[in-house]
């Protein structure tokens, strides 16, 4: 049996905690949360949401499963495991928007049966492929008479405001979100937006007015506000209006991003692309990975090939927001188990949050059985000045097997990278690449796929991450 560990991101709610045991995920509901959980369960809400796939599948199990971690008066729940845990600062506009709409849809359904949500954390949403799923069942509690939206401010900070940054001024919020961990504050958003972007009723009420309220002391009005009873109809209307607004938000920039059309405007011919497709298909059929990481996934062409040839899930990573949004739309339209996430390969998500463990780094979350890194290494080695061997070592560390594409200097895409800068990359050659790769893995197969010299390398990492022959 695997060693039971506490999920490092599960500690803020005194009503319960999440534990991990290999492929199993458990949640302890302590005495303080038992009454609300039993009420919510009695309404049939959790079962109805689970049937729709809107919340994570859950079942009550024996307390003895967690022996030392649960008390006789508590409840132990086993949850279905999510293939890959991601964070809001790794989501594209489309992902964040779909998560926001799910949160509001669930909340509106809850109100119909006398239940509400105690918070509005974006971290309570995860994804199966590109489909959002709510994971925190302890956020549900019995609705109190006359109360209004307790999580409104948090919803704005973690969902609405990052969406508005992109929708109003095309500012990508991911780095800012990653820095704060809690989203974008409304006063900050209000300061950065020009006045002419704030003249609509929604902007005036949700940004300008809310910013003003947060910038003054509410001590004198807090007790009075607590005495006000809000009709349930007003509560529902507030959520519905928010949903209607978010539903129509789109990124402000109408022009295409740099790489979102790469899959149709690349530098190789149809026969060369076919060779690349066949190579990836053969690789995937051979090892049938449960989880494949597609590094530099663009819109998901090769994730789709992998999924059609034996991969169960594909987690894609790219820095181009336009490509990620197209990848999301494709996954939804074609029903692909493809999850395209934002990644700056030279600056992956670090460990952060409380005690530097609350939000785990990308390397701590690595769970791939295989990777493909196609048309990627030149962007990091030349575009970002990361030494070639470091790039190879990092890629090989991500999974036991994979495919890496080497792109030579005479390729049009590399020439474009070098067009406005001095070529200081003396070690960047296929021979050097191959020598570095064989220090860390064995080469199973290699194939030249373009006249310019692009080569695909299928590697298999040794158990110690190095090649004993090197």
Protein backbone atom coordinates (compact mmCIF):
# COMPACT_ATOMS: atom_id res chain seq x y z
CA UNK A 1 0.00 0.00 0.00
CA UNK A 2 1.18 3.55 -0.74
CA UNK A 3 1.92 5.86 2.15
CA UNK A 4 -1.06 8.05 3.02
CA UNK A 5 -0.22 11.76 2.77
CA UNK A 6 -2.12 14.96 3.44
CA UNK A 7 -2.80 17.01 0.32
CA UNK A 8 -0.56 20.07 0.96
CA UNK A 9 -3.21 22.38 -0.50
CA UNK A 10 -5.93 21.14 1.86
CA UNK A 11 -5.68 22.82 5.23
CA UNK A 12 -7.75 26.01 5.22
CA UNK A 13 -11.15 24.44 5.93
CA UNK A 14 -11.47 23.17 9.52
CA UNK A 15 -14.50 21.09 8.47
CA UNK A 16 -12.41 18.61 6.53
CA UNK A 17 -9.20 17.67 4.76
CA UNK A 18 -8.04 15.74 1.69
CA UNK A 19 -5.67 12.76 1.82
CA UNK A 20 -3.83 11.03 -1.01
CA UNK A 21 -2.95 7.34 -1.18
CA UNK A 22 -1.42 6.55 -4.55
CA UNK A 23 -4.25 6.61 -7.07
CA UNK A 24 -6.88 7.08 -4.37
CA UNK A 25 -8.20 10.40 -3.06
CA UNK A 26 -10.03 10.64 0.27
CA UNK A 27 -11.70 13.48 2.13
CA UNK A 28 -12.36 13.47 5.86
CA UNK A 29 -15.47 15.40 6.92
CA UNK A 30 -15.06 16.33 10.56
CA UNK A 31 -17.79 16.91 13.10
CA UNK A 32 -18.01 20.62 12.24
CA UNK A 33 -18.97 19.88 8.65
CA UNK A 34 -21.05 16.76 9.16
CA UNK A 35 -24.42 18.45 9.67
CA UNK A 36 -24.18 20.57 6.53
CA UNK A 37 -22.91 17.64 4.47
CA UNK A 38 -25.76 15.40 5.57
CA UNK A 39 -28.30 18.11 4.78
CA UNK A 40 -26.84 18.77 1.34
CA UNK A 41 -26.73 15.07 0.61
CA UNK A 42 -30.36 14.67 1.66
CA UNK A 43 -31.47 17.19 -0.99
CA UNK A 44 -30.15 14.96 -3.80
CA UNK A 45 -28.07 17.87 -5.11
CA UNK A 46 -24.71 16.10 -4.98
CA UNK A 47 -26.02 13.02 -6.77
CA UNK A 48 -27.70 15.15 -9.44
CA UNK A 49 -24.55 17.20 -10.08
CA UNK A 50 -22.39 14.06 -10.18
CA UNK A 51 -24.75 12.47 -12.74
CA UNK A 52 -24.23 15.53 -14.96
CA UNK A 53 -20.46 15.35 -14.51
CA UNK A 54 -20.42 18.78 -12.88
CA UNK A 55 -18.88 17.67 -9.59
CA UNK A 56 -16.30 15.02 -8.86
CA UNK A 57 -17.65 11.52 -8.26
CA UNK A 58 -17.76 10.66 -4.54
CA UNK A 59 -18.78 7.77 -2.31
CA UNK A 60 -18.84 7.27 1.44
CA UNK A 61 -16.39 4.61 2.64
CA UNK A 62 -15.49 3.09 6.00
CA UNK A 63 -13.71 5.33 8.50
CA UNK A 64 -11.15 2.56 8.94
CA UNK A 65 -9.68 3.48 5.53
CA UNK A 66 -8.01 6.46 7.18
CA UNK A 67 -7.50 4.92 10.62
CA UNK A 68 -5.24 7.54 12.23
CA UNK A 69 -6.73 10.50 10.36
CA UNK A 70 -10.45 10.20 11.07
CA UNK A 71 -12.56 10.09 14.22
CA UNK A 72 -15.58 7.86 14.83
CA UNK A 73 -17.98 10.80 14.47
CA UNK A 74 -16.52 11.90 11.13
CA UNK A 75 -17.27 10.80 7.56
CA UNK A 76 -14.75 9.56 4.99
CA UNK A 77 -15.41 10.16 1.29
CA UNK A 78 -13.51 8.62 -1.60
CA UNK A 79 -13.32 10.87 -4.68
CA UNK A 80 -12.66 9.96 -8.29
CA UNK A 81 -9.12 11.04 -9.14
CA UNK A 82 -8.63 13.96 -11.53
CA UNK A 83 -6.01 13.09 -14.20
CA UNK A 84 -3.95 16.25 -13.65
CA UNK A 85 -4.26 19.03 -11.09
CA UNK A 86 -3.88 22.47 -12.64
CA UNK A 87 -4.17 25.96 -11.21
CA UNK A 88 -6.11 29.03 -12.44
CA UNK A 89 -2.88 30.83 -13.37
CA UNK A 90 -2.21 28.01 -15.84
CA UNK A 91 -5.56 28.41 -17.60
CA UNK A 92 -6.29 30.24 -20.82
CA UNK A 93 -9.21 32.66 -21.12
CA UNK A 94 -11.48 29.85 -22.34
CA UNK A 95 -10.61 27.59 -19.41
CA UNK A 96 -11.16 30.32 -16.82
CA UNK A 97 -14.44 31.32 -18.44
CA UNK A 98 -15.75 27.74 -18.51
CA UNK A 99 -14.76 27.28 -14.86
CA UNK A 100 -16.57 30.51 -13.91
CA UNK A 101 -19.74 29.43 -15.73
CA UNK A 102 -19.65 26.01 -14.07
CA UNK A 103 -19.33 27.63 -10.65
CA UNK A 104 -22.34 29.85 -11.28
CA UNK A 105 -24.41 27.02 -12.78
CA UNK A 106 -23.77 24.84 -9.75
CA UNK A 107 -24.56 27.68 -7.36
CA UNK A 108 -27.87 28.41 -9.08
CA UNK A 109 -28.85 24.74 -8.95
CA UNK A 110 -27.91 24.64 -5.26
CA UNK A 111 -30.16 27.60 -4.42
CA UNK A 112 -33.14 25.75 -5.86
CA UNK A 113 -32.90 23.14 -3.09
CA UNK A 114 -31.99 25.43 -0.18
CA UNK A 115 -28.21 25.06 -0.50
CA UNK A 116 -25.51 27.65 -1.15
CA UNK A 117 -21.74 27.79 -1.61
CA UNK A 118 -19.64 29.11 1.26
CA UNK A 119 -16.89 30.46 -1.01
CA UNK A 120 -16.04 31.05 -4.66
CA UNK A 121 -12.47 29.81 -4.99
CA UNK A 122 -11.31 29.07 -8.52
CA UNK A 123 -9.11 26.36 -7.01
CA UNK A 124 -12.30 24.39 -6.34
CA UNK A 125 -12.56 23.69 -10.07
CA UNK A 126 -10.43 21.20 -11.97
CA UNK A 127 -10.62 19.77 -15.48
CA UNK A 128 -11.06 16.40 -17.10
CA UNK A 129 -9.65 17.14 -20.51
CA UNK A 130 -11.22 20.52 -21.26
CA UNK A 131 -14.39 19.88 -19.24
CA UNK A 132 -14.57 21.65 -15.85
CA UNK A 133 -15.53 19.73 -12.72
CA UNK A 134 -16.16 21.08 -9.21
CA UNK A 135 -14.16 19.21 -6.54
CA UNK A 136 -14.86 20.75 -3.12
CA UNK A 137 -18.06 19.21 -1.76
CA UNK A 138 -17.51 20.91 1.61
CA UNK A 139 -18.18 24.27 -0.04
CA UNK A 140 -21.86 23.32 -0.08
CA UNK A 141 -23.88 24.22 3.02
CA UNK A 142 -27.46 24.94 4.04
CA UNK A 143 -28.77 28.33 2.87
CA UNK A 144 -29.54 30.73 5.70
CA UNK A 145 -32.67 32.82 5.47
CA UNK A 146 -32.09 36.24 3.94
CA UNK A 147 -28.39 35.83 3.18
CA UNK A 148 -26.78 36.96 -0.05
CA UNK A 149 -23.68 35.93 -2.01
CA UNK A 150 -20.96 35.41 0.57
CA UNK A 151 -18.30 34.60 -2.03
CA UNK A 152 -19.00 37.54 -4.36
CA UNK A 153 -15.73 39.37 -3.76
CA UNK A 154 -13.69 36.18 -4.13
CA UNK A 155 -15.52 35.28 -7.34
CA UNK A 156 -14.71 38.68 -8.80
CA UNK A 157 -11.04 38.45 -7.84
CA UNK A 158 -10.46 34.89 -9.01
CA UNK A 159 -12.82 34.63 -11.99
CA UNK A 160 -14.35 37.88 -13.23
CA UNK A 161 -11.45 40.33 -12.93
CA UNK A 162 -8.84 38.18 -14.75
CA UNK A 163 -11.39 37.66 -17.53
CA UNK A 164 -12.03 41.41 -17.73
CA UNK A 165 -8.31 42.17 -18.06
CA UNK A 166 -8.22 40.08 -21.24
CA UNK A 167 -11.67 41.13 -22.47
CA UNK A 168 -11.20 44.88 -22.00
CA UNK A 169 -7.53 45.61 -22.67
CA UNK A 170 -6.08 42.27 -23.85
CA UNK A 171 -3.78 42.00 -20.84
CA UNK A 172 -2.82 38.37 -20.16
CA UNK A 173 -3.48 37.83 -16.42
CA UNK A 174 -1.54 34.58 -15.85
CA UNK A 175 1.71 35.99 -14.44
CA UNK A 176 -0.18 38.48 -12.24
CA UNK A 177 -2.50 35.73 -11.02
CA UNK A 178 0.44 33.45 -10.27
CA UNK A 179 2.08 36.22 -8.26
CA UNK A 180 -0.90 36.99 -6.05
CA UNK A 181 -2.33 33.44 -5.92
CA UNK A 182 -5.71 35.00 -5.16
CA UNK A 183 -6.49 36.60 -8.51
CA UNK A 184 -6.83 40.29 -9.37
CA UNK A 185 -8.20 42.68 -6.77
CA UNK A 186 -11.04 44.96 -7.87
CA UNK A 187 -9.26 48.20 -6.81
CA UNK A 188 -6.24 47.16 -8.87
CA UNK A 189 -8.44 46.37 -11.86
CA UNK A 190 -10.25 49.68 -11.49
CA UNK A 191 -6.95 51.59 -11.48
CA UNK A 192 -5.56 49.90 -14.57
CA UNK A 193 -8.64 50.15 -16.80
CA UNK A 194 -9.14 53.41 -18.74
CA UNK A 195 -12.34 55.30 -17.93
CA UNK A 196 -13.95 54.61 -21.29
CA UNK A 197 -13.81 50.87 -20.59
CA UNK A 198 -15.90 51.32 -17.43
CA UNK A 199 -19.04 53.07 -18.65
CA UNK A 200 -21.38 50.07 -18.92
CA UNK A 201 -23.75 49.22 -16.06
CA UNK A 202 -21.93 45.96 -15.35
CA UNK A 203 -18.56 47.70 -15.14
CA UNK A 204 -19.90 50.51 -13.00
CA UNK A 205 -21.51 48.16 -10.49
CA UNK A 206 -19.00 45.30 -10.43
CA UNK A 207 -15.75 47.25 -10.80
CA UNK A 208 -16.11 50.98 -10.04
CA UNK A 209 -18.61 50.72 -7.17
CA UNK A 210 -17.04 47.58 -5.69
CA UNK A 211 -13.62 49.23 -5.77
CA UNK A 212 -14.96 52.24 -3.93
CA UNK A 213 -16.56 50.04 -1.28
CA UNK A 214 -13.31 48.15 -0.72
CA UNK A 215 -11.31 51.35 -0.41
CA UNK A 216 -13.31 52.74 2.52
CA UNK A 217 -13.84 51.42 6.00
CA UNK A 218 -16.97 49.29 6.33
CA UNK A 219 -16.81 48.97 10.10
CA UNK A 220 -19.72 51.31 10.67
CA UNK A 221 -21.99 49.58 8.19
CA UNK A 222 -21.09 45.93 8.66
CA UNK A 223 -23.49 45.31 11.55
CA UNK A 224 -26.31 47.05 9.72
CA UNK A 225 -25.71 45.03 6.59
CA UNK A 226 -25.94 41.82 8.58
CA UNK A 227 -29.51 42.71 9.61
CA UNK A 228 -30.69 43.12 6.04
CA UNK A 229 -32.58 40.15 4.68
CA UNK A 230 -32.27 39.65 0.93
CA UNK A 231 -35.01 37.87 -1.01
CA UNK A 232 -33.91 34.60 -2.54
CA UNK A 233 -35.07 35.94 -5.89
CA UNK A 234 -32.55 38.80 -5.62
CA UNK A 235 -29.78 36.32 -4.80
CA UNK A 236 -30.60 34.24 -7.88
CA UNK A 237 -30.85 37.36 -10.05
CA UNK A 238 -27.39 38.46 -8.95
CA UNK A 239 -25.88 35.13 -9.99
CA UNK A 240 -27.86 34.99 -13.23
CA UNK A 241 -26.79 38.50 -14.28
CA UNK A 242 -23.17 37.62 -13.56
CA UNK A 243 -23.51 34.46 -15.63
CA UNK A 244 -25.11 36.30 -18.55
CA UNK A 245 -22.28 38.83 -18.54
CA UNK A 246 -19.46 36.30 -18.39
CA UNK A 247 -21.11 34.19 -21.09
CA UNK A 248 -20.60 36.96 -23.68
CA UNK A 249 -17.06 37.99 -22.68
CA UNK A 250 -14.42 37.36 -25.35
CA UNK A 251 -10.75 38.35 -25.61
CA UNK A 252 -10.39 41.94 -26.81
CA UNK A 253 -7.67 41.40 -29.37
CA UNK A 254 -9.11 40.62 -32.79
CA UNK A 255 -5.75 39.98 -34.47
CA UNK A 256 -4.20 36.52 -34.40
CA UNK A 257 -1.49 35.64 -31.90
CA UNK A 258 1.98 34.71 -33.13
CA UNK A 259 1.63 30.93 -33.11
CA UNK A 260 -2.08 30.11 -33.14
CA UNK A 261 -2.02 29.37 -36.88
CA UNK A 262 1.25 27.43 -36.74
CA UNK A 263 -0.46 24.07 -37.29
CA UNK A 264 -1.62 25.27 -40.73
CA UNK A 265 1.24 27.67 -41.56
CA UNK A 266 4.36 25.73 -40.54
CA UNK A 267 7.55 25.42 -42.56
CA UNK A 268 7.25 21.80 -43.76
CA UNK A 269 5.33 20.13 -46.54
CA UNK A 270 2.39 17.71 -46.45
CA UNK A 271 4.59 14.63 -46.89
CA UNK A 272 6.84 15.82 -44.06
CA UNK A 273 3.86 16.42 -41.80
CA UNK A 274 2.56 12.95 -42.64
CA UNK A 275 5.89 11.44 -41.60
CA UNK A 276 5.69 13.31 -38.30
CA UNK A 277 2.13 12.11 -37.76
CA UNK A 278 3.08 8.48 -38.46
CA UNK A 279 6.03 8.69 -36.07
CA UNK A 280 3.91 10.01 -33.21
CA UNK A 281 1.18 7.45 -33.93
CA UNK A 282 3.68 4.56 -33.89
CA UNK A 283 5.23 5.82 -30.67
CA UNK A 284 1.86 6.13 -28.94
CA UNK A 285 0.58 2.76 -30.14
CA UNK A 286 3.74 1.13 -28.86
CA UNK A 287 3.58 2.37 -25.26
CA UNK A 288 -0.12 3.31 -24.85
CA UNK A 289 0.41 5.97 -22.19
CA UNK A 290 -2.39 6.71 -19.76
CA UNK A 291 -1.19 10.31 -19.52
CA UNK A 292 0.84 12.02 -22.22
CA UNK A 293 2.32 15.50 -21.91
CA UNK A 294 2.44 17.49 -25.14
CA UNK A 295 5.11 20.16 -24.63
CA UNK A 296 4.53 23.02 -27.07
CA UNK A 297 1.14 21.59 -27.98
CA UNK A 298 -0.10 24.56 -30.05
CA UNK A 299 -3.74 23.74 -30.96
CA UNK A 300 -3.39 20.02 -30.25
CA UNK A 301 -2.73 18.33 -33.62
CA UNK A 302 -0.38 15.73 -32.18
CA UNK A 303 -2.32 15.32 -28.95
CA UNK A 304 -5.22 14.29 -31.14
CA UNK A 305 -3.00 11.79 -32.99
CA UNK A 306 -1.81 10.39 -29.66
CA UNK A 307 -5.36 10.09 -28.31
CA UNK A 308 -6.42 8.26 -31.46
CA UNK A 309 -3.56 5.80 -31.05
CA UNK A 310 -3.75 4.69 -27.44
CA UNK A 311 -3.17 7.64 -25.11
CA UNK A 312 -5.94 8.04 -22.53
CA UNK A 313 -5.36 11.69 -21.63
CA UNK A 314 -3.17 14.39 -23.14
CA UNK A 315 -2.04 17.36 -21.07
CA UNK A 316 -0.81 20.06 -23.44
CA UNK A 317 1.43 23.01 -22.58
CA UNK A 318 1.99 26.17 -24.63
CA UNK A 319 2.62 29.88 -24.04
CA UNK A 320 0.48 31.20 -26.91
CA UNK A 321 -2.94 32.19 -25.58
CA UNK A 322 -4.56 32.16 -29.02
CA UNK A 323 -3.37 28.61 -29.66
CA UNK A 324 -4.59 27.50 -26.22
CA UNK A 325 -8.05 28.97 -26.81
CA UNK A 326 -8.24 27.21 -30.18
CA UNK A 327 -7.08 24.00 -28.54
CA UNK A 328 -9.83 24.31 -25.93
CA UNK A 329 -12.48 24.89 -28.62
CA UNK A 330 -11.21 21.90 -30.55
CA UNK A 331 -11.26 19.63 -27.50
CA UNK A 332 -14.85 20.60 -26.71
CA UNK A 333 -16.04 20.29 -30.31
CA UNK A 334 -14.35 16.95 -30.98
CA UNK A 335 -14.76 15.47 -27.51
CA UNK A 336 -11.01 15.06 -26.98
CA UNK A 337 -9.48 14.19 -23.60
CA UNK A 338 -7.08 17.08 -24.19
CA UNK A 339 -6.22 19.71 -21.58
CA UNK A 340 -4.15 22.59 -23.05
CA UNK A 341 -2.53 24.67 -20.31
CA UNK A 342 -0.41 27.82 -20.20
CA UNK A 343 3.32 27.24 -19.73
CA UNK A 344 6.39 29.38 -20.15
CA UNK A 345 8.92 26.58 -20.63
CA UNK A 346 11.74 28.74 -19.26
CA UNK A 347 9.70 29.67 -16.18
CA UNK A 348 7.34 26.84 -15.18
CA UNK A 349 4.98 27.15 -12.23
CA UNK A 350 6.99 26.97 -8.99
CA UNK A 351 6.05 25.65 -5.56
CA UNK A 352 4.32 28.49 -3.74
CA UNK A 353 1.57 29.48 -1.37
CA UNK A 354 1.71 28.74 2.35
CA UNK A 355 5.01 27.14 3.38
CA UNK A 356 5.86 26.88 -0.34
CA UNK A 357 3.80 23.68 -0.55
CA UNK A 358 0.19 24.81 -0.98
CA UNK A 359 0.47 25.01 -4.77
CA UNK A 360 2.85 22.41 -6.14
CA UNK A 361 5.38 23.10 -8.86
CA UNK A 362 5.01 21.62 -12.31
CA UNK A 363 7.82 19.16 -11.60
CA UNK A 364 6.11 18.02 -8.39
CA UNK A 365 2.93 17.33 -10.36
CA UNK A 366 4.60 15.46 -13.21
CA UNK A 367 2.70 12.26 -13.86
CA UNK A 368 3.27 11.62 -17.55
CA UNK A 369 3.89 8.15 -18.90
CA UNK A 370 5.25 9.77 -22.06
CA UNK A 371 5.95 13.18 -23.58
CA UNK A 372 6.12 14.65 -27.04
CA UNK A 373 8.11 17.87 -27.50
CA UNK A 374 7.71 18.85 -31.13
CA UNK A 375 9.09 22.10 -32.55
CA UNK A 376 9.93 23.13 -29.00
CA UNK A 377 13.61 22.99 -28.06
CA UNK A 378 14.79 25.81 -30.35
CA UNK A 379 12.36 28.21 -28.69
CA UNK A 380 13.96 27.49 -25.29
CA UNK A 381 17.60 26.88 -26.29
CA UNK A 382 17.85 29.78 -28.75
CA UNK A 383 14.82 31.94 -27.93
CA UNK A 384 15.48 31.93 -24.18
CA UNK A 385 19.23 31.13 -23.97
CA UNK A 386 18.79 27.94 -21.94
CA UNK A 387 21.80 25.62 -22.53
CA UNK A 388 20.85 22.78 -24.87
CA UNK A 389 21.79 20.00 -22.46
CA UNK A 390 19.69 21.60 -19.72
CA UNK A 391 16.67 21.59 -22.02
CA UNK A 392 17.22 17.93 -22.90
CA UNK A 393 17.77 16.93 -19.27
CA UNK A 394 14.54 18.66 -18.26
CA UNK A 395 12.49 17.04 -21.02
CA UNK A 396 13.86 13.57 -20.28
CA UNK A 397 13.07 14.06 -16.58
CA UNK A 398 9.36 14.57 -17.32
CA UNK A 399 8.58 11.02 -18.47
CA UNK A 400 10.26 7.64 -19.01
CA UNK A 401 9.74 7.76 -22.78
CA UNK A 402 9.13 10.44 -25.33
CA UNK A 403 9.64 12.02 -28.71
CA UNK A 404 11.74 15.15 -29.15
CA UNK A 405 12.06 17.01 -32.43
CA UNK A 406 15.40 18.57 -33.25
CA UNK A 407 15.12 21.66 -35.47
CA UNK A 408 18.43 22.72 -37.10
CA UNK A 409 19.72 26.24 -37.58
CA UNK A 410 18.99 26.27 -41.30
CA UNK A 411 15.29 25.67 -40.66
CA UNK A 412 13.14 28.75 -41.46
CA UNK A 413 11.77 28.89 -37.92
CA UNK A 414 15.23 28.97 -36.34
CA UNK A 415 16.44 31.51 -38.89
CA UNK A 416 13.53 33.68 -37.82
CA UNK A 417 14.64 33.44 -34.17
CA UNK A 418 18.20 34.43 -35.15
CA UNK A 419 17.18 37.17 -37.55
CA UNK A 420 17.59 40.08 -35.14
CA UNK A 421 20.27 38.71 -32.83
CA UNK A 422 23.82 37.41 -32.86
CA UNK A 423 24.23 33.66 -33.21
CA UNK A 424 26.07 32.72 -30.01
CA UNK A 425 24.81 29.15 -30.02
CA UNK A 426 27.89 27.22 -31.16
CA UNK A 427 26.79 23.99 -29.48
CA UNK A 428 23.39 23.99 -31.17
CA UNK A 429 23.69 21.20 -33.73
CA UNK A 430 22.14 17.80 -34.28
CA UNK A 431 25.36 16.01 -33.36
CA UNK A 432 25.59 17.86 -30.07
CA UNK A 433 21.89 17.31 -29.44
CA UNK A 434 22.28 13.57 -30.01
CA UNK A 435 25.33 13.36 -27.76
CA UNK A 436 23.51 15.18 -24.97
CA UNK A 437 20.42 13.00 -25.36
CA UNK A 438 22.43 9.78 -25.12
CA UNK A 439 23.89 10.98 -21.82
CA UNK A 440 20.43 10.83 -20.32
CA UNK A 441 18.50 8.25 -22.34
CA UNK A 442 18.71 5.57 -25.01
CA UNK A 443 17.56 6.36 -28.53
CA UNK A 444 14.90 3.89 -29.63
CA UNK A 445 14.35 5.34 -33.09
CA UNK A 446 15.18 8.45 -35.09
CA UNK A 447 13.82 9.76 -38.38
CA UNK A 448 14.63 12.77 -40.55
CA UNK A 449 11.35 14.36 -41.62
CA UNK A 450 12.31 17.51 -43.57
CA UNK A 451 14.87 18.43 -46.20
CA UNK A 452 16.08 21.20 -43.90
CA UNK A 453 17.07 18.53 -41.39
CA UNK A 454 14.36 18.28 -38.76
CA UNK A 455 14.78 14.94 -36.97
CA UNK A 456 12.48 13.10 -34.56
CA UNK A 457 14.10 11.19 -31.70
CA UNK A 458 12.21 8.54 -29.74
CA UNK A 459 14.01 8.18 -26.41
CA UNK A 460 13.73 5.83 -23.46
CA UNK A 461 15.12 7.07 -20.18
CA UNK A 462 17.16 4.71 -18.03
CA UNK A 463 15.87 4.15 -14.51
CA UNK A 464 18.47 6.49 -13.06
CA UNK A 465 17.85 9.13 -15.71
CA UNK A 466 21.22 8.65 -17.35
CA UNK A 467 22.67 6.39 -20.02
CA UNK A 468 25.23 3.95 -18.71
CA UNK A 469 26.88 3.86 -22.18
CA UNK A 470 27.55 7.59 -22.19
